[in-house]
Amino acid sequence: MGKLTTHVLDTANGCPAAGMAVRLYRLEADGPKWLRSLHLNGDGRADGPVLEGATFTAGRYRLVFEVAAYFRARGEKLPEPAFLDEVPLDFGIADEASHYHVPLLASPWSYSTYRGS
């Protein structure tokens, strides 16, 4: 059975992005459909799969990471508006039997992602 997981590393402070808010959408022809919201745990991970079971279907998805809010909550002085506010990552799920892991490495000034394992 396939599933979607995520985690975020705070590269500015060298730690997991504990408490960062994340939203998941399915991208449909008539626009994004909100599926769920969550906050990352102390290890910078969702407490379980972000998507699994009958809702884990092939298609286009978007994870939105609330980067500026996370760094402000840590006491970082960010400009207004922040250089990075919310980071949307659009990706596709083609194989419903696979594990899709979408990590984010983020600072107030940059981010990167990849398909993890």
PDB file of N, CA and C in Angstrom:
ATOM      1  N   MET A   1       0.834  -1.171   0.000  1.00  0.00           N
ATOM      2  CA  MET A   1       0.000   0.000   0.000  1.00  0.00           C
ATOM      3  C   MET A   1       0.886   1.244   0.000  1.00  0.00           C
ATOM      4  N   GLY A   2       0.568   2.205  -0.844  1.00  0.00           N
ATOM      5  CA  GLY A   2       1.357   3.416  -0.947  1.00  0.00           C
ATOM      6  C   GLY A   2       1.014   4.432   0.118  1.00  0.00           C
ATOM      7  N   LYS A   3       1.914   5.399   0.237  1.00  0.00           N
ATOM      8  CA  LYS A   3       1.680   6.482   1.203  1.00  0.00           C
ATOM      9  C   LYS A   3       2.549   7.675   0.848  1.00  0.00           C
ATOM     10  N   LEU A   4       2.180   8.827   1.421  1.00  0.00           N
ATOM     11  CA  LEU A   4       2.923  10.072   1.273  1.00  0.00           C
ATOM     12  C   LEU A   4       3.400  10.504   2.645  1.00  0.00           C
ATOM     13  N   THR A   5       4.698  10.799   2.750  1.00  0.00           N
ATOM     14  CA  THR A   5       5.258  11.329   3.984  1.00  0.00           C
ATOM     15  C   THR A   5       6.079  12.578   3.657  1.00  0.00           C
ATOM     16  N   THR A   6       6.378  13.357   4.697  1.00  0.00           N
ATOM     17  CA  THR A   6       7.193  14.556   4.515  1.00  0.00           C
ATOM     18  C   THR A   6       7.971  14.846   5.786  1.00  0.00           C
ATOM     19  N   HIS A   7       9.010  15.626   5.635  1.00  0.00           N
ATOM     20  CA  HIS A   7       9.709  16.201   6.786  1.00  0.00           C
ATOM     21  C   HIS A   7      10.428  17.450   6.326  1.00  0.00           C
ATOM     22  N   VAL A   8      10.768  18.319   7.288  1.00  0.00           N
ATOM     23  CA  VAL A   8      11.443  19.580   6.979  1.00  0.00           C
ATOM     24  C   VAL A   8      12.639  19.741   7.886  1.00  0.00           C
ATOM     25  N   LEU A   9      13.756  20.096   7.280  1.00  0.00           N
ATOM     26  CA  LEU A   9      14.968  20.433   8.021  1.00  0.00           C
ATOM     27  C   LEU A   9      15.209  21.932   7.910  1.00  0.00           C
ATOM     28  N   ASP A  10      15.446  22.565   9.038  1.00  0.00           N
ATOM     29  CA  ASP A  10      15.764  23.987   9.137  1.00  0.00           C
ATOM     30  C   ASP A  10      17.266  24.107   8.921  1.00  0.00           C
ATOM     31  N   THR A  11      17.668  24.490   7.709  1.00  0.00           N
ATOM     32  CA  THR A  11      19.095  24.553   7.385  1.00  0.00           C
ATOM     33  C   THR A  11      19.763  25.804   7.948  1.00  0.00           C
ATOM     34  N   ALA A  12      18.989  26.798   8.338  1.00  0.00           N
ATOM     35  CA  ALA A  12      19.571  28.004   8.936  1.00  0.00           C
ATOM     36  C   ALA A  12      20.055  27.727  10.358  1.00  0.00           C
ATOM     37  N   ASN A  13      19.339  26.853  11.068  1.00  0.00           N
ATOM     38  CA  ASN A  13      19.666  26.565  12.459  1.00  0.00           C
ATOM     39  C   ASN A  13      20.187  25.154  12.686  1.00  0.00           C
ATOM     40  N   GLY A  14      20.235  24.357  11.624  1.00  0.00           N
ATOM     41  CA  GLY A  14      20.766  23.002  11.733  1.00  0.00           C
ATOM     42  C   GLY A  14      19.931  22.080  12.596  1.00  0.00           C
ATOM     43  N   CYS A  15      18.586  22.130  12.396  1.00  0.00           N
ATOM     44  CA  CYS A  15      17.703  21.307  13.225  1.00  0.00           C
ATOM     45  C   CYS A  15      16.433  20.967  12.454  1.00  0.00           C
ATOM     46  N   PRO A  16      15.646  20.035  12.980  1.00  0.00           N
ATOM     47  CA  PRO A  16      14.334  19.778  12.378  1.00  0.00           C
ATOM     48  C   PRO A  16      13.431  21.003  12.546  1.00  0.00           C
ATOM     49  N   ALA A  17      12.512  21.198  11.620  1.00  0.00           N
ATOM     50  CA  ALA A  17      11.593  22.342  11.667  1.00  0.00           C
ATOM     51  C   ALA A  17      10.362  21.978  12.493  1.00  0.00           C
ATOM     52  N   ALA A  18      10.573  21.756  13.779  1.00  0.00           N
ATOM     53  CA  ALA A  18       9.490  21.362  14.688  1.00  0.00           C
ATOM     54  C   ALA A  18       8.416  22.434  14.740  1.00  0.00           C
ATOM     55  N   GLY A  19       7.176  22.024  14.580  1.00  0.00           N
ATOM     56  CA  GLY A  19       6.051  22.940  14.678  1.00  0.00           C
ATOM     57  C   GLY A  19       5.637  23.610  13.385  1.00  0.00           C
ATOM     58  N   MET A  20       6.401  23.431  12.308  1.00  0.00           N
ATOM     59  CA  MET A  20       6.024  24.082  11.048  1.00  0.00           C
ATOM     60  C   MET A  20       4.659  23.575  10.586  1.00  0.00           C
ATOM     61  N   ALA A  21       3.829  24.494  10.124  1.00  0.00           N
ATOM     62  CA  ALA A  21       2.516  24.146   9.591  1.00  0.00           C
ATOM     63  C   ALA A  21       2.645  23.767   8.121  1.00  0.00           C
ATOM     64  N   VAL A  22       1.879  22.750   7.728  1.00  0.00           N
ATOM     65  CA  VAL A  22       1.896  22.230   6.360  1.00  0.00           C
ATOM     66  C   VAL A  22       0.455  21.968   5.940  1.00  0.00           C
ATOM     67  N   ARG A  23       0.149  22.286   4.675  1.00  0.00           N
ATOM     68  CA  ARG A  23      -1.164  21.977   4.112  1.00  0.00           C
ATOM     69  C   ARG A  23      -0.977  21.097   2.872  1.00  0.00           C
ATOM     70  N   LEU A  24      -1.922  20.185   2.651  1.00  0.00           N
ATOM     71  CA  LEU A  24      -1.904  19.304   1.487  1.00  0.00           C
ATOM     72  C   LEU A  24      -3.136  19.562   0.639  1.00  0.00           C
ATOM     73  N   TYR A  25      -2.921  19.686  -0.674  1.00  0.00           N
ATOM     74  CA  TYR A  25      -3.997  19.872  -1.643  1.00  0.00           C
ATOM     75  C   TYR A  25      -3.862  18.836  -2.750  1.00  0.00           C
ATOM     76  N   ARG A  26      -4.980  18.454  -3.329  1.00  0.00           N
ATOM     77  CA  ARG A  26      -4.992  17.695  -4.574  1.00  0.00           C
ATOM     78  C   ARG A  26      -5.266  18.718  -5.668  1.00  0.00           C
ATOM     79  N   LEU A  27      -4.451  18.707  -6.722  1.00  0.00           N
ATOM     80  CA  LEU A  27      -4.614  19.663  -7.819  1.00  0.00           C
ATOM     81  C   LEU A  27      -5.588  19.079  -8.837  1.00  0.00           C
ATOM     82  N   GLU A  28      -6.739  19.711  -8.959  1.00  0.00           N
ATOM     83  CA  GLU A  28      -7.789  19.250  -9.861  1.00  0.00           C
ATOM     84  C   GLU A  28      -8.027  20.287 -10.940  1.00  0.00           C
ATOM     85  N   ALA A  29      -8.763  19.911 -11.981  1.00  0.00           N
ATOM     86  CA  ALA A  29      -9.006  20.794 -13.123  1.00  0.00           C
ATOM     87  C   ALA A  29      -9.660  22.108 -12.713  1.00  0.00           C
ATOM     88  N   ASP A  30     -10.514  22.081 -11.686  1.00  0.00           N
ATOM     89  CA  ASP A  30     -11.205  23.298 -11.255  1.00  0.00           C
ATOM     90  C   ASP A  30     -10.480  24.019 -10.117  1.00  0.00           C
ATOM     91  N   GLY A  31      -9.243  23.616  -9.831  1.00  0.00           N
ATOM     92  CA  GLY A  31      -8.442  24.285  -8.816  1.00  0.00           C
ATOM     93  C   GLY A  31      -8.023  23.346  -7.697  1.00  0.00           C
ATOM     94  N   PRO A  32      -7.153  23.817  -6.803  1.00  0.00           N
ATOM     95  CA  PRO A  32      -6.691  22.981  -5.699  1.00  0.00           C
ATOM     96  C   PRO A  32      -7.821  22.624  -4.740  1.00  0.00           C
ATOM     97  N   LYS A  33      -7.837  21.375  -4.287  1.00  0.00           N
ATOM     98  CA  LYS A  33      -8.811  20.913  -3.293  1.00  0.00           C
ATOM     99  C   LYS A  33      -8.052  20.606  -2.007  1.00  0.00           C
ATOM    100  N   TRP A  34      -8.365  21.346  -0.930  1.00  0.00           N
ATOM    101  CA  TRP A  34      -7.705  21.144   0.354  1.00  0.00           C
ATOM    102  C   TRP A  34      -8.033  19.750   0.881  1.00  0.00           C
ATOM    103  N   LEU A  35      -6.994  19.027   1.340  1.00  0.00           N
ATOM    104  CA  LEU A  35      -7.182  17.703   1.915  1.00  0.00           C
ATOM    105  C   LEU A  35      -6.954  17.690   3.419  1.00  0.00           C
ATOM    106  N   ARG A  36      -5.882  18.359   3.858  1.00  0.00           N
ATOM    107  CA  ARG A  36      -5.617  18.373   5.305  1.00  0.00           C
ATOM    108  C   ARG A  36      -4.535  19.383   5.649  1.00  0.00           C
ATOM    109  N   SER A  37      -4.490  19.721   6.935  1.00  0.00           N
ATOM    110  CA  SER A  37      -3.458  20.587   7.501  1.00  0.00           C
ATOM    111  C   SER A  37      -2.839  19.857   8.681  1.00  0.00           C
ATOM    112  N   LEU A  38      -1.576  20.146   8.956  1.00  0.00           N
ATOM    113  CA  LEU A  38      -0.899  19.498  10.075  1.00  0.00           C
ATOM    114  C   LEU A  38       0.264  20.356  10.538  1.00  0.00           C
ATOM    115  N   HIS A  39       0.792  20.028  11.716  1.00  0.00           N
ATOM    116  CA  HIS A  39       2.012  20.645  12.234  1.00  0.00           C
ATOM    117  C   HIS A  39       3.038  19.543  12.421  1.00  0.00           C
ATOM    118  N   LEU A  40       4.269  19.841  12.067  1.00  0.00           N
ATOM    119  CA  LEU A  40       5.336  18.849  12.173  1.00  0.00           C
ATOM    120  C   LEU A  40       5.742  18.646  13.627  1.00  0.00           C
ATOM    121  N   ASN A  41       6.119  17.427  13.956  1.00  0.00           N
ATOM    122  CA  ASN A  41       6.504  17.081  15.325  1.00  0.00           C
ATOM    123  C   ASN A  41       7.939  17.543  15.635  1.00  0.00           C
ATOM    124  N   GLY A  42       8.449  17.162  16.771  1.00  0.00           N
ATOM    125  CA  GLY A  42       9.776  17.580  17.214  1.00  0.00           C
ATOM    126  C   GLY A  42      10.910  17.127  16.321  1.00  0.00           C
ATOM    127  N   ASP A  43      10.658  16.121  15.512  1.00  0.00           N
ATOM    128  CA  ASP A  43      11.654  15.625  14.557  1.00  0.00           C
ATOM    129  C   ASP A  43      11.458  16.262  13.183  1.00  0.00           C
ATOM    130  N   GLY A  44      10.563  17.254  13.080  1.00  0.00           N
ATOM    131  CA  GLY A  44      10.300  17.915  11.805  1.00  0.00           C
ATOM    132  C   GLY A  44       9.514  17.052  10.837  1.00  0.00           C
ATOM    133  N   ARG A  45       8.807  16.046  11.357  1.00  0.00           N
ATOM    134  CA  ARG A  45       8.048  15.108  10.522  1.00  0.00           C
ATOM    135  C   ARG A  45       6.574  15.143  10.900  1.00  0.00           C
ATOM    136  N   ALA A  46       5.739  14.700   9.958  1.00  0.00           N
ATOM    137  CA  ALA A  46       4.341  14.457  10.290  1.00  0.00           C
ATOM    138  C   ALA A  46       4.309  13.239  11.205  1.00  0.00           C
ATOM    139  N   ASP A  47       3.345  13.171  12.108  1.00  0.00           N
ATOM    140  CA  ASP A  47       3.265  12.052  13.045  1.00  0.00           C
ATOM    141  C   ASP A  47       2.962  10.726  12.363  1.00  0.00           C
ATOM    142  N   GLY A  48       2.456  10.768  11.165  1.00  0.00           N
ATOM    143  CA  GLY A  48       2.165   9.568  10.381  1.00  0.00           C
ATOM    144  C   GLY A  48       2.103   9.961   8.927  1.00  0.00           C
ATOM    145  N   PRO A  49       1.678   9.046   8.075  1.00  0.00           N
ATOM    146  CA  PRO A  49       1.554   9.404   6.661  1.00  0.00           C
ATOM    147  C   PRO A  49       0.639  10.611   6.465  1.00  0.00           C
ATOM    148  N   VAL A  50       1.006  11.466   5.546  1.00  0.00           N
ATOM    149  CA  VAL A  50       0.194  12.632   5.205  1.00  0.00           C
ATOM    150  C   VAL A  50      -1.003  12.183   4.367  1.00  0.00           C
ATOM    151  N   LEU A  51      -0.803  11.137   3.612  1.00  0.00           N
ATOM    152  CA  LEU A  51      -1.852  10.584   2.754  1.00  0.00           C
ATOM    153  C   LEU A  51      -1.601   9.091   2.628  1.00  0.00           C
ATOM    154  N   GLU A  52      -2.664   8.288   2.766  1.00  0.00           N
ATOM    155  CA  GLU A  52      -2.539   6.841   2.621  1.00  0.00           C
ATOM    156  C   GLU A  52      -3.918   6.239   2.421  1.00  0.00           C
ATOM    157  N   GLY A  53      -3.962   4.940   2.188  1.00  0.00           N
ATOM    158  CA  GLY A  53      -5.226   4.233   2.058  1.00  0.00           C
ATOM    159  C   GLY A  53      -5.994   4.642   0.819  1.00  0.00           C
ATOM    160  N   ALA A  54      -7.309   4.697   0.946  1.00  0.00           N
ATOM    161  CA  ALA A  54      -8.182   4.977  -0.193  1.00  0.00           C
ATOM    162  C   ALA A  54      -7.980   6.378  -0.760  1.00  0.00           C
ATOM    163  N   THR A  55      -7.482   7.313   0.047  1.00  0.00           N
ATOM    164  CA  THR A  55      -7.267   8.679  -0.440  1.00  0.00           C
ATOM    165  C   THR A  55      -5.944   8.833  -1.188  1.00  0.00           C
ATOM    166  N   PHE A  56      -5.077   7.818  -1.103  1.00  0.00           N
ATOM    167  CA  PHE A  56      -3.782   7.867  -1.782  1.00  0.00           C
ATOM    168  C   PHE A  56      -3.986   7.378  -3.214  1.00  0.00           C
ATOM    169  N   THR A  57      -4.252   8.301  -4.114  1.00  0.00           N
ATOM    170  CA  THR A  57      -4.527   7.966  -5.505  1.00  0.00           C
ATOM    171  C   THR A  57      -3.579   8.719  -6.427  1.00  0.00           C
ATOM    172  N   ALA A  58      -3.412   8.194  -7.633  1.00  0.00           N
ATOM    173  CA  ALA A  58      -2.571   8.856  -8.629  1.00  0.00           C
ATOM    174  C   ALA A  58      -3.127  10.243  -8.922  1.00  0.00           C
ATOM    175  N   GLY A  59      -2.240  11.178  -9.157  1.00  0.00           N
ATOM    176  CA  GLY A  59      -2.671  12.531  -9.482  1.00  0.00           C
ATOM    177  C   GLY A  59      -1.617  13.552  -9.111  1.00  0.00           C
ATOM    178  N   ARG A  60      -1.998  14.814  -9.225  1.00  0.00           N
ATOM    179  CA  ARG A  60      -1.119  15.938  -8.905  1.00  0.00           C
ATOM    180  C   ARG A  60      -1.497  16.473  -7.529  1.00  0.00           C
ATOM    181  N   TYR A  61      -0.471  16.797  -6.744  1.00  0.00           N
ATOM    182  CA  TYR A  61      -0.667  17.265  -5.369  1.00  0.00           C
ATOM    183  C   TYR A  61       0.208  18.478  -5.108  1.00  0.00           C
ATOM    184  N   ARG A  62      -0.122  19.180  -4.031  1.00  0.00           N
ATOM    185  CA  ARG A  62       0.675  20.336  -3.582  1.00  0.00           C
ATOM    186  C   ARG A  62       0.793  20.280  -2.067  1.00  0.00           C
ATOM    187  N   LEU A  63       2.018  20.340  -1.582  1.00  0.00           N
ATOM    188  CA  LEU A  63       2.291  20.567  -0.170  1.00  0.00           C
ATOM    189  C   LEU A  63       2.674  22.028  -0.028  1.00  0.00           C
ATOM    190  N   VAL A  64       2.099  22.725   0.937  1.00  0.00           N
ATOM    191  CA  VAL A  64       2.426  24.124   1.201  1.00  0.00           C
ATOM    192  C   VAL A  64       3.017  24.201   2.602  1.00  0.00           C
ATOM    193  N   PHE A  65       4.265  24.655   2.677  1.00  0.00           N
ATOM    194  CA  PHE A  65       5.004  24.758   3.931  1.00  0.00           C
ATOM    195  C   PHE A  65       5.031  26.220   4.375  1.00  0.00           C
ATOM    196  N   GLU A  66       4.609  26.499   5.595  1.00  0.00           N
ATOM    197  CA  GLU A  66       4.548  27.870   6.112  1.00  0.00           C
ATOM    198  C   GLU A  66       5.901  28.257   6.715  1.00  0.00           C
ATOM    199  N   VAL A  67       6.823  28.579   5.822  1.00  0.00           N
ATOM    200  CA  VAL A  67       8.220  28.816   6.184  1.00  0.00           C
ATOM    201  C   VAL A  67       8.401  30.094   7.005  1.00  0.00           C
ATOM    202  N   ALA A  68       7.855  31.214   6.548  1.00  0.00           N
ATOM    203  CA  ALA A  68       8.054  32.485   7.273  1.00  0.00           C
ATOM    204  C   ALA A  68       7.456  32.421   8.672  1.00  0.00           C
ATOM    205  N   ALA A  69       6.270  31.869   8.803  1.00  0.00           N
ATOM    206  CA  ALA A  69       5.641  31.765  10.129  1.00  0.00           C
ATOM    207  C   ALA A  69       6.505  30.928  11.070  1.00  0.00           C
ATOM    208  N   TYR A  70       7.090  29.855  10.555  1.00  0.00           N
ATOM    209  CA  TYR A  70       7.968  29.010  11.365  1.00  0.00           C
ATOM    210  C   TYR A  70       9.177  29.810  11.862  1.00  0.00           C
ATOM    211  N   PHE A  71       9.852  30.514  10.952  1.00  0.00           N
ATOM    212  CA  PHE A  71      11.053  31.260  11.361  1.00  0.00           C
ATOM    213  C   PHE A  71      10.706  32.426  12.283  1.00  0.00           C
ATOM    214  N   ARG A  72       9.591  33.091  12.049  1.00  0.00           N
ATOM    215  CA  ARG A  72       9.172  34.163  12.966  1.00  0.00           C
ATOM    216  C   ARG A  72       8.903  33.602  14.362  1.00  0.00           C
ATOM    217  N   ALA A  73       8.273  32.427  14.426  1.00  0.00           N
ATOM    218  CA  ALA A  73       7.994  31.803  15.728  1.00  0.00           C
ATOM    219  C   ALA A  73       9.286  31.447  16.462  1.00  0.00           C
ATOM    220  N   ARG A  74      10.369  31.226  15.726  1.00  0.00           N
ATOM    221  CA  ARG A  74      11.683  30.959  16.335  1.00  0.00           C
ATOM    222  C   ARG A  74      12.383  32.243  16.755  1.00  0.00           C
ATOM    223  N   GLY A  75      11.782  33.388  16.446  1.00  0.00           N
ATOM    224  CA  GLY A  75      12.376  34.668  16.821  1.00  0.00           C
ATOM    225  C   GLY A  75      13.252  35.293  15.752  1.00  0.00           C
ATOM    226  N   GLU A  76      13.244  34.724  14.552  1.00  0.00           N
ATOM    227  CA  GLU A  76      14.031  35.292  13.447  1.00  0.00           C
ATOM    228  C   GLU A  76      13.420  36.624  13.023  1.00  0.00           C
ATOM    229  N   LYS A  77      14.260  37.610  12.798  1.00  0.00           N
ATOM    230  CA  LYS A  77      13.813  38.909  12.295  1.00  0.00           C
ATOM    231  C   LYS A  77      13.791  38.813  10.772  1.00  0.00           C
ATOM    232  N   LEU A  78      12.599  38.749  10.206  1.00  0.00           N
ATOM    233  CA  LEU A  78      12.437  38.656   8.764  1.00  0.00           C
ATOM    234  C   LEU A  78      11.933  39.980   8.222  1.00  0.00           C
ATOM    235  N   PRO A  79      12.304  40.318   6.992  1.00  0.00           N
ATOM    236  CA  PRO A  79      11.764  41.540   6.398  1.00  0.00           C
ATOM    237  C   PRO A  79      10.267  41.367   6.138  1.00  0.00           C
ATOM    238  N   GLU A  80       9.582  42.471   5.953  1.00  0.00           N
ATOM    239  CA  GLU A  80       8.156  42.437   5.629  1.00  0.00           C
ATOM    240  C   GLU A  80       7.953  43.062   4.267  1.00  0.00           C
ATOM    241  N   PRO A  81       7.531  42.356   3.269  1.00  0.00           N
ATOM    242  CA  PRO A  81       7.189  40.935   3.331  1.00  0.00           C
ATOM    243  C   PRO A  81       8.444  40.062   3.369  1.00  0.00           C
ATOM    244  N   ALA A  82       8.272  38.860   3.874  1.00  0.00           N
ATOM    245  CA  ALA A  82       9.386  37.907   3.935  1.00  0.00           C
ATOM    246  C   ALA A  82       9.790  37.495   2.525  1.00  0.00           C
ATOM    247  N   PHE A  83      11.066  37.204   2.355  1.00  0.00           N
ATOM    248  CA  PHE A  83      11.536  36.727   1.050  1.00  0.00           C
ATOM    249  C   PHE A  83      10.816  35.437   0.677  1.00  0.00           C
ATOM    250  N   LEU A  84      10.779  34.470   1.591  1.00  0.00           N
ATOM    251  CA  LEU A  84       9.987  33.251   1.411  1.00  0.00           C
ATOM    252  C   LEU A  84       8.887  33.260   2.466  1.00  0.00           C
ATOM    253  N   ASP A  85       7.663  33.204   2.043  1.00  0.00           N
ATOM    254  CA  ASP A  85       6.541  33.145   2.971  1.00  0.00           C
ATOM    255  C   ASP A  85       6.056  31.704   3.049  1.00  0.00           C
ATOM    256  N   GLU A  86       5.252  31.296   2.108  1.00  0.00           N
ATOM    257  CA  GLU A  86       4.816  29.906   2.010  1.00  0.00           C
ATOM    258  C   GLU A  86       5.511  29.275   0.814  1.00  0.00           C
ATOM    259  N   VAL A  87       5.994  28.069   0.988  1.00  0.00           N
ATOM    260  CA  VAL A  87       6.673  27.355  -0.094  1.00  0.00           C
ATOM    261  C   VAL A  87       5.743  26.249  -0.591  1.00  0.00           C
ATOM    262  N   PRO A  88       5.217  26.406  -1.835  1.00  0.00           N
ATOM    263  CA  PRO A  88       4.385  25.356  -2.408  1.00  0.00           C
ATOM    264  C   PRO A  88       5.253  24.386  -3.224  1.00  0.00           C
ATOM    265  N   LEU A  89       5.047  23.105  -2.995  1.00  0.00           N
ATOM    266  CA  LEU A  89       5.735  22.082  -3.782  1.00  0.00           C
ATOM    267  C   LEU A  89       4.685  21.259  -4.509  1.00  0.00           C
ATOM    268  N   ASP A  90       4.674  21.352  -5.833  1.00  0.00           N
ATOM    269  CA  ASP A  90       3.754  20.576  -6.654  1.00  0.00           C
ATOM    270  C   ASP A  90       4.471  19.319  -7.128  1.00  0.00           C
ATOM    271  N   PHE A  91       3.802  18.186  -7.035  1.00  0.00           N
ATOM    272  CA  PHE A  91       4.416  16.918  -7.413  1.00  0.00           C
ATOM    273  C   PHE A  91       3.331  15.957  -7.862  1.00  0.00           C
ATOM    274  N   GLY A  92       3.750  14.899  -8.533  1.00  0.00           N
ATOM    275  CA  GLY A  92       2.810  13.908  -9.019  1.00  0.00           C
ATOM    276  C   GLY A  92       2.999  12.563  -8.348  1.00  0.00           C
ATOM    277  N   ILE A  93       1.894  11.874  -8.140  1.00  0.00           N
ATOM    278  CA  ILE A  93       1.905  10.497  -7.669  1.00  0.00           C
ATOM    279  C   ILE A  93       1.421   9.644  -8.839  1.00  0.00           C
ATOM    280  N   ALA A  94       2.287   8.780  -9.334  1.00  0.00           N
ATOM    281  CA  ALA A  94       1.944   7.927 -10.465  1.00  0.00           C
ATOM    282  C   ALA A  94       1.681   6.488 -10.045  1.00  0.00           C
ATOM    283  N   ASP A  95       2.375   6.036  -9.011  1.00  0.00           N
ATOM    284  CA  ASP A  95       2.300   4.635  -8.583  1.00  0.00           C
ATOM    285  C   ASP A  95       1.658   4.561  -7.204  1.00  0.00           C
ATOM    286  N   GLU A  96       0.429   4.100  -7.153  1.00  0.00           N
ATOM    287  CA  GLU A  96      -0.319   4.055  -5.890  1.00  0.00           C
ATOM    288  C   GLU A  96       0.201   3.012  -4.910  1.00  0.00           C
ATOM    289  N   ALA A  97       1.149   2.189  -5.335  1.00  0.00           N
ATOM    290  CA  ALA A  97       1.729   1.178  -4.452  1.00  0.00           C
ATOM    291  C   ALA A  97       3.047   1.638  -3.834  1.00  0.00           C
ATOM    292  N   SER A  98       3.520   2.808  -4.218  1.00  0.00           N
ATOM    293  CA  SER A  98       4.835   3.287  -3.774  1.00  0.00           C
ATOM    294  C   SER A  98       4.744   4.240  -2.591  1.00  0.00           C
ATOM    295  N   HIS A  99       5.870   4.379  -1.928  1.00  0.00           N
ATOM    296  CA  HIS A  99       6.035   5.365  -0.862  1.00  0.00           C
ATOM    297  C   HIS A  99       6.632   6.616  -1.497  1.00  0.00           C
ATOM    298  N   TYR A 100       5.924   7.721  -1.394  1.00  0.00           N
ATOM    299  CA  TYR A 100       6.421   9.010  -1.870  1.00  0.00           C
ATOM    300  C   TYR A 100       6.797   9.826  -0.637  1.00  0.00           C
ATOM    301  N   HIS A 101       8.071  10.170  -0.533  1.00  0.00           N
ATOM    302  CA  HIS A 101       8.549  10.988   0.581  1.00  0.00           C
ATOM    303  C   HIS A 101       9.023  12.311  -0.002  1.00  0.00           C
ATOM    304  N   VAL A 102       8.450  13.422   0.486  1.00  0.00           N
ATOM    305  CA  VAL A 102       8.755  14.749  -0.042  1.00  0.00           C
ATOM    306  C   VAL A 102       9.350  15.593   1.082  1.00  0.00           C
ATOM    307  N   PRO A 103      10.684  15.610   1.191  1.00  0.00           N
ATOM    308  CA  PRO A 103      11.326  16.436   2.216  1.00  0.00           C
ATOM    309  C   PRO A 103      11.572  17.860   1.711  1.00  0.00           C
ATOM    310  N   LEU A 104      11.715  18.768   2.650  1.00  0.00           N
ATOM    311  CA  LEU A 104      12.054  20.151   2.341  1.00  0.00           C
ATOM    312  C   LEU A 104      13.208  20.560   3.239  1.00  0.00           C
ATOM    313  N   LEU A 105      14.222  21.177   2.651  1.00  0.00           N
ATOM    314  CA  LEU A 105      15.309  21.797   3.406  1.00  0.00           C
ATOM    315  C   LEU A 105      15.116  23.295   3.220  1.00  0.00           C
ATOM    316  N   ALA A 106      14.969  24.040   4.324  1.00  0.00           N
ATOM    317  CA  ALA A 106      14.557  25.433   4.209  1.00  0.00           C
ATOM    318  C   ALA A 106      15.323  26.348   5.151  1.00  0.00           C
ATOM    319  N   SER A 107      15.513  27.573   4.681  1.00  0.00           N
ATOM    320  CA  SER A 107      16.003  28.688   5.478  1.00  0.00           C
ATOM    321  C   SER A 107      15.100  29.869   5.119  1.00  0.00           C
ATOM    322  N   PRO A 108      15.264  31.024   5.745  1.00  0.00           N
ATOM    323  CA  PRO A 108      14.440  32.172   5.337  1.00  0.00           C
ATOM    324  C   PRO A 108      14.739  32.650   3.916  1.00  0.00           C
ATOM    325  N   TRP A 109      15.842  32.162   3.325  1.00  0.00           N
ATOM    326  CA  TRP A 109      16.305  32.693   2.040  1.00  0.00           C
ATOM    327  C   TRP A 109      16.379  31.667   0.920  1.00  0.00           C
ATOM    328  N   SER A 110      16.201  30.388   1.234  1.00  0.00           N
ATOM    329  CA  SER A 110      16.318  29.368   0.189  1.00  0.00           C
ATOM    330  C   SER A 110      15.635  28.084   0.622  1.00  0.00           C
ATOM    331  N   TYR A 111      15.382  27.220  -0.376  1.00  0.00           N
ATOM    332  CA  TYR A 111      14.856  25.890  -0.073  1.00  0.00           C
ATOM    333  C   TYR A 111      15.238  24.936  -1.187  1.00  0.00           C
ATOM    334  N   SER A 112      15.200  23.656  -0.862  1.00  0.00           N
ATOM    335  CA  SER A 112      15.384  22.623  -1.878  1.00  0.00           C
ATOM    336  C   SER A 112      14.575  21.402  -1.453  1.00  0.00           C
ATOM    337  N   THR A 113      14.309  20.556  -2.425  1.00  0.00           N
ATOM    338  CA  THR A 113      13.526  19.361  -2.179  1.00  0.00           C
ATOM    339  C   THR A 113      14.019  18.245  -3.101  1.00  0.00           C
ATOM    340  N   TYR A 114      13.547  17.054  -2.863  1.00  0.00           N
ATOM    341  CA  TYR A 114      13.884  15.896  -3.686  1.00  0.00           C
ATOM    342  C   TYR A 114      12.879  14.802  -3.345  1.00  0.00           C
ATOM    343  N   ARG A 115      12.861  13.744  -4.124  1.00  0.00           N
ATOM    344  CA  ARG A 115      12.034  12.596  -3.740  1.00  0.00           C
ATOM    345  C   ARG A 115      12.887  11.704  -2.871  1.00  0.00           C
ATOM    346  N   GLY A 116      12.519  11.627  -1.625  1.00  0.00           N
ATOM    347  CA  GLY A 116      13.267  10.822  -0.663  1.00  0.00           C
ATOM    348  C   GLY A 116      12.786   9.402  -0.622  1.00  0.00           C
ATOM    349  N   SER A 117      13.261   8.691   0.383  1.00  0.00           N
ATOM    350  CA  SER A 117      12.872   7.281   0.514  1.00  0.00           C
ATOM    351  C   SER A 117      12.295   7.027   1.899  1.00  0.00           C
TER     352      SER A 117
END
